[in-house]
């Protein structure tokens, strides 16, 4: 769940 963590850590929109 990389995108999930990334979104929670950076709080940015989907970009992957």
Protein backbone atom coordinates (compact mmCIF):
# COMPACT_ATOMS: atom_id res chain seq x y z
CA UNK A 1 0.00 0.00 0.00
CA UNK A 2 2.56 2.56 -1.13
CA UNK A 3 0.10 5.07 -2.62
CA UNK A 4 -1.94 4.99 0.58
CA UNK A 5 1.04 5.77 2.80
CA UNK A 6 2.33 8.38 0.36
CA UNK A 7 -1.04 10.13 0.33
CA UNK A 8 -1.20 10.03 4.12
CA UNK A 9 2.40 11.23 4.54
CA UNK A 10 2.46 13.89 1.83
CA UNK A 11 -1.30 14.50 1.78
CA UNK A 12 -1.07 14.98 -1.98
CA UNK A 13 -3.34 13.82 -4.81
CA UNK A 14 -2.71 10.57 -6.67
CA UNK A 15 0.36 10.78 -8.89
CA UNK A 16 1.62 7.26 -9.51
